[in-house]
Every structure is written in C-alpha cells, then in structure tokens.
C-alpha atoms as a PDB file:
ATOM      1  CA  UNK A   1      -2.712 -65.153 -41.765  1.00  0.00           C
ATOM      2  CA  UNK A   2      -5.306 -64.632 -45.241  1.00  0.00           C
ATOM      3  CA  UNK A   3      -3.682 -62.230 -47.466  1.00  0.00           C
ATOM      4  CA  UNK A   4      -5.337 -58.758 -48.349  1.00  0.00           C
ATOM      5  CA  UNK A   5      -7.752 -59.539 -50.918  1.00  0.00           C
ATOM      6  CA  UNK A   6      -7.989 -63.101 -50.023  1.00  0.00           C
ATOM      7  CA  UNK A   7     -10.644 -66.110 -48.921  1.00  0.00           C
ATOM      8  CA  UNK A   8     -10.773 -69.336 -48.309  1.00  0.00           C
ATOM      9  CA  UNK A   9     -13.813 -69.593 -50.596  1.00  0.00           C
ATOM     10  CA  UNK A  10     -14.841 -67.438 -53.895  1.00  0.00           C
ATOM     11  CA  UNK A  11     -17.116 -69.849 -55.490  1.00  0.00           C
ATOM     12  CA  UNK A  12     -20.206 -67.737 -54.621  1.00  0.00           C
ATOM     13  CA  UNK A  13     -21.175 -64.661 -57.824  1.00  0.00           C
ATOM     14  CA  UNK A  14     -20.478 -61.158 -56.236  1.00  0.00           C
ATOM     15  CA  UNK A  15     -23.562 -60.020 -57.580  1.00  0.00           C
ATOM     16  CA  UNK A  16     -24.903 -58.063 -54.656  1.00  0.00           C
ATOM     17  CA  UNK A  17     -28.283 -59.351 -56.182  1.00  0.00           C
ATOM     18  CA  UNK A  18     -27.184 -63.267 -55.180  1.00  0.00           C
ATOM     19  CA  UNK A  19     -28.737 -65.466 -51.983  1.00  0.00           C
ATOM     20  CA  UNK A  20     -25.440 -66.427 -51.679  1.00  0.00           C
ATOM     21  CA  UNK A  21     -22.303 -64.401 -50.887  1.00  0.00           C
ATOM     22  CA  UNK A  22     -18.877 -66.111 -50.588  1.00  0.00           C
ATOM     23  CA  UNK A  23     -16.031 -64.672 -48.334  1.00  0.00           C
ATOM     24  CA  UNK A  24     -15.047 -62.343 -51.085  1.00  0.00           C
ATOM     25  CA  UNK A  25     -17.502 -61.470 -52.801  1.00  0.00           C
ATOM     26  CA  UNK A  26     -18.753 -59.853 -48.627  1.00  0.00           C
ATOM     27  CA  UNK A  27     -15.703 -58.415 -48.094  1.00  0.00           C
ATOM     28  CA  UNK A  28     -16.639 -56.169 -51.660  1.00  0.00           C
ATOM     29  CA  UNK A  29     -19.700 -55.089 -51.224  1.00  0.00           C
ATOM     30  CA  UNK A  30     -18.851 -54.697 -47.414  1.00  0.00           C
ATOM     31  CA  UNK A  31     -15.721 -52.102 -48.862  1.00  0.00           C
ATOM     32  CA  UNK A  32     -18.565 -50.946 -51.398  1.00  0.00           C
ATOM     33  CA  UNK A  33     -20.040 -48.971 -47.897  1.00  0.00           C
ATOM     34  CA  UNK A  34     -20.631 -44.947 -48.210  1.00  0.00           C
ATOM     35  CA  UNK A  35     -17.861 -43.830 -46.102  1.00  0.00           C
ATOM     36  CA  UNK A  36     -15.947 -47.252 -46.164  1.00  0.00           C
ATOM     37  CA  UNK A  37     -12.307 -46.972 -45.523  1.00  0.00           C
ATOM     38  CA  UNK A  38     -11.852 -51.028 -45.668  1.00  0.00           C
ATOM     39  CA  UNK A  39     -13.583 -54.395 -44.490  1.00  0.00           C
ATOM     40  CA  UNK A  40     -12.699 -56.758 -42.524  1.00  0.00           C
ATOM     41  CA  UNK A  41     -13.789 -60.396 -41.633  1.00  0.00           C
ATOM     42  CA  UNK A  42     -12.149 -62.090 -38.842  1.00  0.00           C
ATOM     43  CA  UNK A  43     -12.332 -65.623 -37.035  1.00  0.00           C
ATOM     44  CA  UNK A  44     -12.167 -63.843 -33.099  1.00  0.00           C
ATOM     45  CA  UNK A  45     -11.395 -67.320 -32.273  1.00  0.00           C
ATOM     46  CA  UNK A  46      -8.019 -68.392 -33.692  1.00  0.00           C
ATOM     47  CA  UNK A  47      -7.798 -64.652 -34.902  1.00  0.00           C
ATOM     48  CA  UNK A  48      -7.591 -64.944 -38.511  1.00  0.00           C
ATOM     49  CA  UNK A  49      -8.665 -62.970 -40.298  1.00  0.00           C
ATOM     50  CA  UNK A  50     -10.843 -64.417 -43.739  1.00  0.00           C
ATOM     51  CA  UNK A  51     -10.899 -61.464 -46.120  1.00  0.00           C
ATOM     52  CA  UNK A  52      -9.942 -57.849 -46.414  1.00  0.00           C
ATOM     53  CA  UNK A  53     -10.666 -55.010 -48.545  1.00  0.00           C
ATOM     54  CA  UNK A  54      -9.361 -51.746 -49.308  1.00  0.00           C
ATOM     55  CA  UNK A  55      -7.769 -50.033 -45.999  1.00  0.00           C
ATOM     56  CA  UNK A  56      -5.785 -46.924 -47.579  1.00  0.00           C
ATOM     57  CA  UNK A  57      -3.523 -46.395 -44.709  1.00  0.00           C
ATOM     58  CA  UNK A  58      -5.319 -49.389 -42.307  1.00  0.00           C
ATOM     59  CA  UNK A  59      -3.756 -52.719 -42.418  1.00  0.00           C
ATOM     60  CA  UNK A  60      -6.995 -54.327 -42.522  1.00  0.00           C
ATOM     61  CA  UNK A  61      -5.449 -57.888 -41.529  1.00  0.00           C
ATOM     62  CA  UNK A  62      -3.904 -56.276 -38.451  1.00  0.00           C
ATOM     63  CA  UNK A  63      -6.729 -54.787 -37.630  1.00  0.00           C
ATOM     64  CA  UNK A  64      -8.838 -57.239 -37.983  1.00  0.00           C
ATOM     65  CA  UNK A  65      -6.376 -59.185 -36.157  1.00  0.00           C
ATOM     66  CA  UNK A  66      -6.163 -57.044 -33.308  1.00  0.00           C
ATOM     67  CA  UNK A  67     -10.124 -56.432 -32.754  1.00  0.00           C
ATOM     68  CA  UNK A  68      -9.662 -60.031 -31.821  1.00  0.00           C
ATOM     69  CA  UNK A  69      -9.158 -59.146 -28.293  1.00  0.00           C
ATOM     70  CA  UNK A  70     -12.256 -56.411 -28.160  1.00  0.00           C
ATOM     71  CA  UNK A  71     -14.481 -59.445 -29.329  1.00  0.00           C
ATOM     72  CA  UNK A  72     -12.943 -61.651 -27.015  1.00  0.00           C
ATOM     73  CA  UNK A  73     -12.815 -59.096 -23.551  1.00  0.00           C
ATOM     74  CA  UNK A  74     -16.369 -58.574 -23.726  1.00  0.00           C
ATOM     75  CA  UNK A  75     -18.219 -62.028 -24.549  1.00  0.00           C
ATOM     76  CA  UNK A  76     -15.649 -62.600 -21.487  1.00  0.00           C
ATOM     77  CA  UNK A  77     -17.240 -59.807 -19.199  1.00  0.00           C
ATOM     78  CA  UNK A  78     -20.675 -60.607 -20.406  1.00  0.00           C
ATOM     79  CA  UNK A  79     -20.317 -63.935 -19.479  1.00  0.00           C
ATOM     80  CA  UNK A  80     -18.989 -63.372 -15.794  1.00  0.00           C
ATOM     81  CA  UNK A  81     -21.805 -60.761 -15.415  1.00  0.00           C
ATOM     82  CA  UNK A  82     -24.068 -63.968 -16.367  1.00  0.00           C
ATOM     83  CA  UNK A  83     -25.976 -62.282 -19.478  1.00  0.00           C
ATOM     84  CA  UNK A  84     -27.594 -64.070 -21.127  1.00  0.00           C
ATOM     85  CA  UNK A  85     -27.145 -62.469 -24.452  1.00  0.00           C
ATOM     86  CA  UNK A  86     -25.629 -62.305 -27.435  1.00  0.00           C
ATOM     87  CA  UNK A  87     -23.463 -59.443 -28.509  1.00  0.00           C
ATOM     88  CA  UNK A  88     -24.758 -57.943 -31.962  1.00  0.00           C
ATOM     89  CA  UNK A  89     -22.430 -55.608 -33.040  1.00  0.00           C
ATOM     90  CA  UNK A  90     -19.503 -52.786 -30.811  1.00  0.00           C
ATOM     91  CA  UNK A  91     -19.633 -49.496 -32.047  1.00  0.00           C
ATOM     92  CA  UNK A  92     -16.231 -48.318 -31.399  1.00  0.00           C
ATOM     93  CA  UNK A  93     -15.588 -44.562 -32.103  1.00  0.00           C
ATOM     94  CA  UNK A  94     -13.222 -42.533 -33.525  1.00  0.00           C
ATOM     95  CA  UNK A  95     -13.058 -38.429 -34.202  1.00  0.00           C
ATOM     96  CA  UNK A  96     -12.872 -39.344 -37.601  1.00  0.00           C
ATOM     97  CA  UNK A  97     -14.568 -43.042 -38.328  1.00  0.00           C
ATOM     98  CA  UNK A  98     -16.150 -45.626 -36.428  1.00  0.00           C
ATOM     99  CA  UNK A  99     -14.606 -48.528 -36.218  1.00  0.00           C
ATOM    100  CA  UNK A 100     -18.112 -51.203 -36.688  1.00  0.00           C
ATOM    101  CA  UNK A 101     -17.894 -55.039 -35.023  1.00  0.00           C
ATOM    102  CA  UNK A 102     -20.918 -57.361 -36.474  1.00  0.00           C
ATOM    103  CA  UNK A 103     -20.806 -60.566 -35.547  1.00  0.00           C
ATOM    104  CA  UNK A 104     -22.350 -63.083 -37.478  1.00  0.00           C
ATOM    105  CA  UNK A 105     -25.228 -64.247 -37.094  1.00  0.00           C
ATOM    106  CA  UNK A 106     -25.513 -68.403 -39.196  1.00  0.00           C
ATOM    107  CA  UNK A 107     -21.184 -68.471 -38.527  1.00  0.00           C
ATOM    108  CA  UNK A 108     -20.462 -67.801 -34.286  1.00  0.00           C
ATOM    109  CA  UNK A 109     -16.103 -67.444 -33.767  1.00  0.00           C
ATOM    110  CA  UNK A 110     -16.590 -65.029 -36.940  1.00  0.00           C
ATOM    111  CA  UNK A 111     -16.603 -61.049 -37.399  1.00  0.00           C
ATOM    112  CA  UNK A 112     -16.968 -59.475 -40.055  1.00  0.00           C
ATOM    113  CA  UNK A 113     -14.871 -55.381 -39.097  1.00  0.00           C
ATOM    114  CA  UNK A 114     -16.343 -52.237 -40.950  1.00  0.00           C
ATOM    115  CA  UNK A 115     -14.366 -48.810 -40.455  1.00  0.00           C
ATOM    116  CA  UNK A 116     -16.250 -46.171 -41.814  1.00  0.00           C
ATOM    117  CA  UNK A 117     -15.192 -42.401 -42.863  1.00  0.00           C
ATOM    118  CA  UNK A 118     -17.382 -40.201 -40.376  1.00  0.00           C
ATOM    119  CA  UNK A 119     -17.362 -37.377 -42.336  1.00  0.00           C
ATOM    120  CA  UNK A 120     -18.288 -39.424 -46.158  1.00  0.00           C
ATOM    121  CA  UNK A 121     -20.648 -41.920 -43.703  1.00  0.00           C
ATOM    122  CA  UNK A 122     -24.472 -42.971 -42.015  1.00  0.00           C
ATOM    123  CA  UNK A 123     -24.139 -45.464 -39.888  1.00  0.00           C
ATOM    124  CA  UNK A 124     -27.018 -46.813 -39.667  1.00  0.00           C
ATOM    125  CA  UNK A 125     -27.381 -47.136 -43.396  1.00  0.00           C
ATOM    126  CA  UNK A 126     -23.989 -48.853 -42.874  1.00  0.00           C
ATOM    127  CA  UNK A 127     -25.136 -51.648 -40.068  1.00  0.00           C
ATOM    128  CA  UNK A 128     -28.421 -51.675 -41.776  1.00  0.00           C
ATOM    129  CA  UNK A 129     -26.267 -52.917 -44.881  1.00  0.00           C
ATOM    130  CA  UNK A 130     -23.640 -54.798 -43.169  1.00  0.00           C
ATOM    131  CA  UNK A 131     -27.021 -56.509 -41.816  1.00  0.00           C
ATOM    132  CA  UNK A 132     -27.743 -58.665 -45.106  1.00  0.00           C
ATOM    133  CA  UNK A 133     -24.408 -59.211 -45.658  1.00  0.00           C
ATOM    134  CA  UNK A 134     -24.876 -61.201 -42.573  1.00  0.00           C
ATOM    135  CA  UNK A 135     -27.562 -63.057 -43.698  1.00  0.00           C
ATOM    136  CA  UNK A 136     -26.301 -63.637 -47.163  1.00  0.00           C
ATOM    137  CA  UNK A 137     -22.446 -64.384 -45.911  1.00  0.00           C
ATOM    138  CA  UNK A 138     -21.814 -68.396 -46.417  1.00  0.00           C
ATOM    139  CA  UNK A 139     -18.378 -69.935 -45.410  1.00  0.00           C
ATOM    140  CA  UNK A 140     -17.086 -73.529 -46.080  1.00  0.00           C
END
C-alpha cells in the first residue's frame, strides 16, 4: 500500500494551471475543493491506494482501499443486468458528509475519492472540479 500523500509519479507540476497532473498534484487539487476533508486516488482492481491527502480523523488510505468493494460490486451488478453503460460517479450521502467517487475517464481501473463536509462544500461545484482534475490526471 502507498503511504499517505506518497505517489508513484511525482514529475508533473503542482500548478493547477498545468496541462497534466501527476497523482500528488491531483491529490493536492482535490484537497483544495471547498469543504474537502480528504481525498484518495485508488486502483479498484488491485485495491491499492495510489495517493491520499487530508483526512482529518479519517484514514483516507483505508477509506479509499475499502471503497473498492463498492465500485466492484456496482460494476458487477451493472454487468449482470446487461446494462451497456459506464459508471461516472457514485455518491454516498451521510448526515454530515458526502463521499464522492469519480471513475477516471482515461484510466479504466482508477477512481478519485473525495470526502466533503456537507456544511462547508457544494456538491455541484465539487463534481465540476473533480471532472477538471480527472481530465488532467496522468499516470506513469
């Protein structure tokens, strides 16, 4: 398992205006989302967390890795139902938090996972920002 805030690729710029973002820079951008408590980028096939950031009292490595079961389960159900479509995101709403999982467009087995404080964040704006980060994410 990767250590918190550690990544496989650390060659891209941390500048949010960069054309591409490595895992560390993407995590940095995810944790800047209004109300973000923590973030992880996860390979759901292996269950390996590629990078994490923030978290306050949440273990984002554990949360990210554990959430792979949600993604696998939903993908299996979609397949079993014969639905010819792909998951864009999955939202888990708690009383005080949103747990937002965004499947990466360019990386089949990767998802971004962001925990947002409901009293401080805006779900619509968070989804838009995650989509922008997704488009720039590059893995080596």
